[in-house]
Amino acid sequence: MEKTKKVGIGTVRHELGYSIEEAATYANITPDELTSYEADHSTTPIIVAVKLLEFYDVPFEKIAFRN
């Protein structure tokens, strides 16, 4: 079984070309909050994580939510 490399939510956002403002608005948080969550994935509330996964259209298994 091949192990998939996990990436941070900030990396995904950058790769998909979304601005911090676009993603934060979708997740109903401030850009500063999203910046903080991107810096420390382990602090991301589950509801925010779910909204971002939905917005980015990526499966949970691809995202690193722990440092």
PDB file of N, CA and C in Angstrom:
ATOM      1  N   MET A   1       0.840  -1.172   0.000  1.00  0.00           N
ATOM      2  CA  MET A   1       0.000   0.000   0.000  1.00  0.00           C
ATOM      3  C   MET A   1       0.892   1.245   0.000  1.00  0.00           C
ATOM      4  N   GLU A   2       0.643   2.152  -0.929  1.00  0.00           N
ATOM      5  CA  GLU A   2       1.416   3.371  -1.051  1.00  0.00           C
ATOM      6  C   GLU A   2       0.895   4.424  -0.087  1.00  0.00           C
ATOM      7  N   LYS A   3       1.815   5.035   0.633  1.00  0.00           N
ATOM      8  CA  LYS A   3       1.430   6.081   1.581  1.00  0.00           C
ATOM      9  C   LYS A   3       1.411   7.431   0.854  1.00  0.00           C
ATOM     10  N   THR A   4       0.303   8.150   0.979  1.00  0.00           N
ATOM     11  CA  THR A   4       0.146   9.450   0.342  1.00  0.00           C
ATOM     12  C   THR A   4       0.792  10.521   1.200  1.00  0.00           C
ATOM     13  N   LYS A   5       1.574  11.384   0.551  1.00  0.00           N
ATOM     14  CA  LYS A   5       2.196  12.492   1.275  1.00  0.00           C
ATOM     15  C   LYS A   5       1.116  13.514   1.619  1.00  0.00           C
ATOM     16  N   LYS A   6       1.095  13.921   2.883  1.00  0.00           N
ATOM     17  CA  LYS A   6       0.124  14.918   3.330  1.00  0.00           C
ATOM     18  C   LYS A   6       0.746  16.303   3.242  1.00  0.00           C
ATOM     19  N   VAL A   7      -0.097  17.269   2.916  1.00  0.00           N
ATOM     20  CA  VAL A   7       0.360  18.654   2.819  1.00  0.00           C
ATOM     21  C   VAL A   7      -0.511  19.532   3.702  1.00  0.00           C
ATOM     22  N   GLY A   8      -0.014  20.707   4.021  1.00  0.00           N
ATOM     23  CA  GLY A   8      -0.752  21.643   4.856  1.00  0.00           C
ATOM     24  C   GLY A   8      -1.849  22.366   4.090  1.00  0.00           C
ATOM     25  N   ILE A   9      -2.774  22.930   4.823  1.00  0.00           N
ATOM     26  CA  ILE A   9      -3.898  23.624   4.190  1.00  0.00           C
ATOM     27  C   ILE A   9      -3.442  24.872   3.438  1.00  0.00           C
ATOM     28  N   GLY A  10      -2.375  25.493   3.892  1.00  0.00           N
ATOM     29  CA  GLY A  10      -1.838  26.648   3.176  1.00  0.00           C
ATOM     30  C   GLY A  10      -1.245  26.256   1.836  1.00  0.00           C
ATOM     31  N   THR A  11      -0.560  25.127   1.809  1.00  0.00           N
ATOM     32  CA  THR A  11       0.016  24.617   0.563  1.00  0.00           C
ATOM     33  C   THR A  11      -1.078  24.331  -0.450  1.00  0.00           C
ATOM     34  N   VAL A  12      -2.143  23.694   0.011  1.00  0.00           N
ATOM     35  CA  VAL A  12      -3.262  23.385  -0.884  1.00  0.00           C
ATOM     36  C   VAL A  12      -3.867  24.667  -1.433  1.00  0.00           C
ATOM     37  N   ARG A  13      -4.086  25.641  -0.569  1.00  0.00           N
ATOM     38  CA  ARG A  13      -4.666  26.913  -1.007  1.00  0.00           C
ATOM     39  C   ARG A  13      -3.795  27.560  -2.077  1.00  0.00           C
ATOM     40  N   HIS A  14      -2.501  27.603  -1.836  1.00  0.00           N
ATOM     41  CA  HIS A  14      -1.582  28.195  -2.808  1.00  0.00           C
ATOM     42  C   HIS A  14      -1.614  27.439  -4.134  1.00  0.00           C
ATOM     43  N   GLU A  15      -1.554  26.110  -4.068  1.00  0.00           N
ATOM     44  CA  GLU A  15      -1.546  25.290  -5.283  1.00  0.00           C
ATOM     45  C   GLU A  15      -2.811  25.477  -6.110  1.00  0.00           C
ATOM     46  N   LEU A  16      -3.933  25.713  -5.434  1.00  0.00           N
ATOM     47  CA  LEU A  16      -5.203  25.890  -6.139  1.00  0.00           C
ATOM     48  C   LEU A  16      -5.429  27.338  -6.585  1.00  0.00           C
ATOM     49  N   GLY A  17      -4.577  28.240  -6.127  1.00  0.00           N
ATOM     50  CA  GLY A  17      -4.650  29.626  -6.565  1.00  0.00           C
ATOM     51  C   GLY A  17      -5.666  30.494  -5.845  1.00  0.00           C
ATOM     52  N   TYR A  18      -6.096  30.066  -4.668  1.00  0.00           N
ATOM     53  CA  TYR A  18      -7.046  30.864  -3.888  1.00  0.00           C
ATOM     54  C   TYR A  18      -6.298  31.860  -3.007  1.00  0.00           C
ATOM     55  N   SER A  19      -6.885  33.032  -2.837  1.00  0.00           N
ATOM     56  CA  SER A  19      -6.309  34.013  -1.918  1.00  0.00           C
ATOM     57  C   SER A  19      -6.735  33.656  -0.495  1.00  0.00           C
ATOM     58  N   ILE A  20      -6.008  34.210   0.456  1.00  0.00           N
ATOM     59  CA  ILE A  20      -6.352  34.006   1.865  1.00  0.00           C
ATOM     60  C   ILE A  20      -7.744  34.550   2.140  1.00  0.00           C
ATOM     61  N   GLU A  21      -8.097  35.652   1.500  1.00  0.00           N
ATOM     62  CA  GLU A  21      -9.410  36.265   1.697  1.00  0.00           C
ATOM     63  C   GLU A  21     -10.539  35.384   1.160  1.00  0.00           C
ATOM     64  N   GLU A  22     -10.334  34.794  -0.024  1.00  0.00           N
ATOM     65  CA  GLU A  22     -11.362  33.921  -0.609  1.00  0.00           C
ATOM     66  C   GLU A  22     -11.641  32.713   0.293  1.00  0.00           C
ATOM     67  N   ALA A  23     -10.571  32.067   0.721  1.00  0.00           N
ATOM     68  CA  ALA A  23     -10.727  30.872   1.544  1.00  0.00           C
ATOM     69  C   ALA A  23     -11.320  31.207   2.909  1.00  0.00           C
ATOM     70  N   ALA A  24     -10.866  32.288   3.502  1.00  0.00           N
ATOM     71  CA  ALA A  24     -11.376  32.685   4.819  1.00  0.00           C
ATOM     72  C   ALA A  24     -12.855  33.034   4.737  1.00  0.00           C
ATOM     73  N   THR A  25     -13.247  33.741   3.698  1.00  0.00           N
ATOM     74  CA  THR A  25     -14.652  34.103   3.524  1.00  0.00           C
ATOM     75  C   THR A  25     -15.511  32.852   3.412  1.00  0.00           C
ATOM     76  N   TYR A  26     -15.072  31.883   2.629  1.00  0.00           N
ATOM     77  CA  TYR A  26     -15.832  30.645   2.472  1.00  0.00           C
ATOM     78  C   TYR A  26     -15.976  29.916   3.810  1.00  0.00           C
ATOM     79  N   ALA A  27     -14.896  29.910   4.603  1.00  0.00           N
ATOM     80  CA  ALA A  27     -14.903  29.202   5.888  1.00  0.00           C
ATOM     81  C   ALA A  27     -15.521  30.035   7.013  1.00  0.00           C
ATOM     82  N   ASN A  28     -15.936  31.258   6.694  1.00  0.00           N
ATOM     83  CA  ASN A  28     -16.567  32.146   7.666  1.00  0.00           C
ATOM     84  C   ASN A  28     -15.641  32.483   8.843  1.00  0.00           C
ATOM     85  N   ILE A  29     -14.381  32.751   8.498  1.00  0.00           N
ATOM     86  CA  ILE A  29     -13.388  33.168   9.482  1.00  0.00           C
ATOM     87  C   ILE A  29     -12.649  34.378   8.911  1.00  0.00           C
ATOM     88  N   THR A  30     -11.833  35.012   9.730  1.00  0.00           N
ATOM     89  CA  THR A  30     -11.062  36.155   9.248  1.00  0.00           C
ATOM     90  C   THR A  30      -9.793  35.656   8.543  1.00  0.00           C
ATOM     91  N   PRO A  31      -9.244  36.477   7.659  1.00  0.00           N
ATOM     92  CA  PRO A  31      -7.966  36.108   7.037  1.00  0.00           C
ATOM     93  C   PRO A  31      -6.864  35.872   8.071  1.00  0.00           C
ATOM     94  N   ASP A  32      -6.872  36.646   9.161  1.00  0.00           N
ATOM     95  CA  ASP A  32      -5.868  36.440  10.216  1.00  0.00           C
ATOM     96  C   ASP A  32      -6.013  35.067  10.870  1.00  0.00           C
ATOM     97  N   GLU A  33      -7.260  34.640  11.080  1.00  0.00           N
ATOM     98  CA  GLU A  33      -7.478  33.310  11.660  1.00  0.00           C
ATOM     99  C   GLU A  33      -6.949  32.228  10.723  1.00  0.00           C
ATOM    100  N   LEU A  34      -7.247  32.361   9.436  1.00  0.00           N
ATOM    101  CA  LEU A  34      -6.773  31.354   8.477  1.00  0.00           C
ATOM    102  C   LEU A  34      -5.254  31.342   8.415  1.00  0.00           C
ATOM    103  N   THR A  35      -4.644  32.506   8.443  1.00  0.00           N
ATOM    104  CA  THR A  35      -3.181  32.578   8.457  1.00  0.00           C
ATOM    105  C   THR A  35      -2.624  31.824   9.657  1.00  0.00           C
ATOM    106  N   SER A  36      -3.266  31.987  10.801  1.00  0.00           N
ATOM    107  CA  SER A  36      -2.841  31.284  12.016  1.00  0.00           C
ATOM    108  C   SER A  36      -2.995  29.771  11.863  1.00  0.00           C
ATOM    109  N   TYR A  37      -4.110  29.323  11.306  1.00  0.00           N
ATOM    110  CA  TYR A  37      -4.347  27.890  11.114  1.00  0.00           C
ATOM    111  C   TYR A  37      -3.369  27.298  10.100  1.00  0.00           C
ATOM    112  N   GLU A  38      -3.014  28.083   9.091  1.00  0.00           N
ATOM    113  CA  GLU A  38      -2.049  27.597   8.114  1.00  0.00           C
ATOM    114  C   GLU A  38      -0.661  27.461   8.737  1.00  0.00           C
ATOM    115  N   ALA A  39      -0.348  28.331   9.694  1.00  0.00           N
ATOM    116  CA  ALA A  39       0.947  28.279  10.372  1.00  0.00           C
ATOM    117  C   ALA A  39       1.025  27.123  11.367  1.00  0.00           C
ATOM    118  N   ASP A  40      -0.096  26.792  11.979  1.00  0.00           N
ATOM    119  CA  ASP A  40      -0.146  25.703  12.968  1.00  0.00           C
ATOM    120  C   ASP A  40      -1.407  24.886  12.715  1.00  0.00           C
ATOM    121  N   HIS A  41      -1.287  23.882  11.875  1.00  0.00           N
ATOM    122  CA  HIS A  41      -2.436  23.065  11.462  1.00  0.00           C
ATOM    123  C   HIS A  41      -3.173  22.431  12.627  1.00  0.00           C
ATOM    124  N   SER A  42      -2.450  22.158  13.699  1.00  0.00           N
ATOM    125  CA  SER A  42      -3.058  21.439  14.820  1.00  0.00           C
ATOM    126  C   SER A  42      -4.093  22.283  15.571  1.00  0.00           C
ATOM    127  N   THR A  43      -4.142  23.578  15.307  1.00  0.00           N
ATOM    128  CA  THR A  43      -5.102  24.437  16.008  1.00  0.00           C
ATOM    129  C   THR A  43      -6.395  24.649  15.227  1.00  0.00           C
ATOM    130  N   THR A  44      -6.490  24.085  14.026  1.00  0.00           N
ATOM    131  CA  THR A  44      -7.655  24.309  13.171  1.00  0.00           C
ATOM    132  C   THR A  44      -8.896  23.617  13.733  1.00  0.00           C
ATOM    133  N   PRO A  45      -9.943  24.368  14.053  1.00  0.00           N
ATOM    134  CA  PRO A  45     -11.185  23.746  14.522  1.00  0.00           C
ATOM    135  C   PRO A  45     -11.769  22.833  13.441  1.00  0.00           C
ATOM    136  N   ILE A  46     -12.383  21.748  13.834  1.00  0.00           N
ATOM    137  CA  ILE A  46     -12.889  20.757  12.878  1.00  0.00           C
ATOM    138  C   ILE A  46     -13.881  21.368  11.901  1.00  0.00           C
ATOM    139  N   ILE A  47     -14.740  22.258  12.352  1.00  0.00           N
ATOM    140  CA  ILE A  47     -15.727  22.854  11.452  1.00  0.00           C
ATOM    141  C   ILE A  47     -15.044  23.684  10.370  1.00  0.00           C
ATOM    142  N   VAL A  48     -13.965  24.358  10.729  1.00  0.00           N
ATOM    143  CA  VAL A  48     -13.200  25.133   9.747  1.00  0.00           C
ATOM    144  C   VAL A  48     -12.496  24.184   8.785  1.00  0.00           C
ATOM    145  N   ALA A  49     -11.915  23.117   9.321  1.00  0.00           N
ATOM    146  CA  ALA A  49     -11.242  22.137   8.472  1.00  0.00           C
ATOM    147  C   ALA A  49     -12.207  21.548   7.445  1.00  0.00           C
ATOM    148  N   VAL A  50     -13.396  21.204   7.872  1.00  0.00           N
ATOM    149  CA  VAL A  50     -14.399  20.632   6.964  1.00  0.00           C
ATOM    150  C   VAL A  50     -14.773  21.637   5.880  1.00  0.00           C
ATOM    151  N   LYS A  51     -14.981  22.894   6.260  1.00  0.00           N
ATOM    152  CA  LYS A  51     -15.324  23.925   5.268  1.00  0.00           C
ATOM    153  C   LYS A  51     -14.195  24.101   4.253  1.00  0.00           C
ATOM    154  N   LEU A  52     -12.958  24.109   4.718  1.00  0.00           N
ATOM    155  CA  LEU A  52     -11.832  24.274   3.805  1.00  0.00           C
ATOM    156  C   LEU A  52     -11.676  23.070   2.878  1.00  0.00           C
ATOM    157  N   LEU A  53     -11.855  21.879   3.414  1.00  0.00           N
ATOM    158  CA  LEU A  53     -11.792  20.676   2.569  1.00  0.00           C
ATOM    159  C   LEU A  53     -12.865  20.721   1.486  1.00  0.00           C
ATOM    160  N   GLU A  54     -14.035  21.180   1.858  1.00  0.00           N
ATOM    161  CA  GLU A  54     -15.137  21.324   0.908  1.00  0.00           C
ATOM    162  C   GLU A  54     -14.782  22.369  -0.158  1.00  0.00           C
ATOM    163  N   PHE A  55     -14.270  23.500   0.270  1.00  0.00           N
ATOM    164  CA  PHE A  55     -13.908  24.580  -0.651  1.00  0.00           C
ATOM    165  C   PHE A  55     -12.788  24.149  -1.601  1.00  0.00           C
ATOM    166  N   TYR A  56     -11.774  23.478  -1.063  1.00  0.00           N
ATOM    167  CA  TYR A  56     -10.643  23.053  -1.874  1.00  0.00           C
ATOM    168  C   TYR A  56     -10.932  21.772  -2.664  1.00  0.00           C
ATOM    169  N   ASP A  57     -12.017  21.086  -2.294  1.00  0.00           N
ATOM    170  CA  ASP A  57     -12.406  19.828  -2.935  1.00  0.00           C
ATOM    171  C   ASP A  57     -11.275  18.793  -2.889  1.00  0.00           C
ATOM    172  N   VAL A  58     -10.747  18.604  -1.683  1.00  0.00           N
ATOM    173  CA  VAL A  58      -9.708  17.605  -1.466  1.00  0.00           C
ATOM    174  C   VAL A  58     -10.122  16.694  -0.311  1.00  0.00           C
ATOM    175  N   PRO A  59      -9.718  15.420  -0.353  1.00  0.00           N
ATOM    176  CA  PRO A  59     -10.072  14.515   0.739  1.00  0.00           C
ATOM    177  C   PRO A  59      -9.241  14.783   1.997  1.00  0.00           C
ATOM    178  N   PHE A  60      -9.837  14.495   3.126  1.00  0.00           N
ATOM    179  CA  PHE A  60      -9.197  14.677   4.432  1.00  0.00           C
ATOM    180  C   PHE A  60      -7.828  13.995   4.491  1.00  0.00           C
ATOM    181  N   GLU A  61      -7.728  12.830   3.860  1.00  0.00           N
ATOM    182  CA  GLU A  61      -6.502  12.033   3.921  1.00  0.00           C
ATOM    183  C   GLU A  61      -5.286  12.739   3.322  1.00  0.00           C
ATOM    184  N   LYS A  62      -5.499  13.742   2.486  1.00  0.00           N
ATOM    185  CA  LYS A  62      -4.387  14.443   1.835  1.00  0.00           C
ATOM    186  C   LYS A  62      -3.860  15.616   2.648  1.00  0.00           C
ATOM    187  N   ILE A  63      -4.566  16.000   3.711  1.00  0.00           N
ATOM    188  CA  ILE A  63      -4.207  17.193   4.463  1.00  0.00           C
ATOM    189  C   ILE A  63      -3.578  16.838   5.805  1.00  0.00           C
ATOM    190  N   ALA A  64      -2.503  17.541   6.136  1.00  0.00           N
ATOM    191  CA  ALA A  64      -1.839  17.370   7.431  1.00  0.00           C
ATOM    192  C   ALA A  64      -2.464  18.369   8.405  1.00  0.00           C
ATOM    193  N   PHE A  65      -3.137  17.866   9.404  1.00  0.00           N
ATOM    194  CA  PHE A  65      -3.720  18.738  10.428  1.00  0.00           C
ATOM    195  C   PHE A  65      -2.949  18.653  11.734  1.00  0.00           C
ATOM    196  N   ARG A  66      -1.761  18.091  11.686  1.00  0.00           N
ATOM    197  CA  ARG A  66      -0.875  18.058  12.843  1.00  0.00           C
ATOM    198  C   ARG A  66       0.508  18.434  12.381  1.00  0.00           C
ATOM    199  N   ASN A  67       1.223  19.151  13.220  1.00  0.00           N
ATOM    200  CA  ASN A  67       2.595  19.562  12.866  1.00  0.00           C
ATOM    201  C   ASN A  67       3.563  18.452  13.139  1.00  0.00           C
TER     202      ASN A  67
END
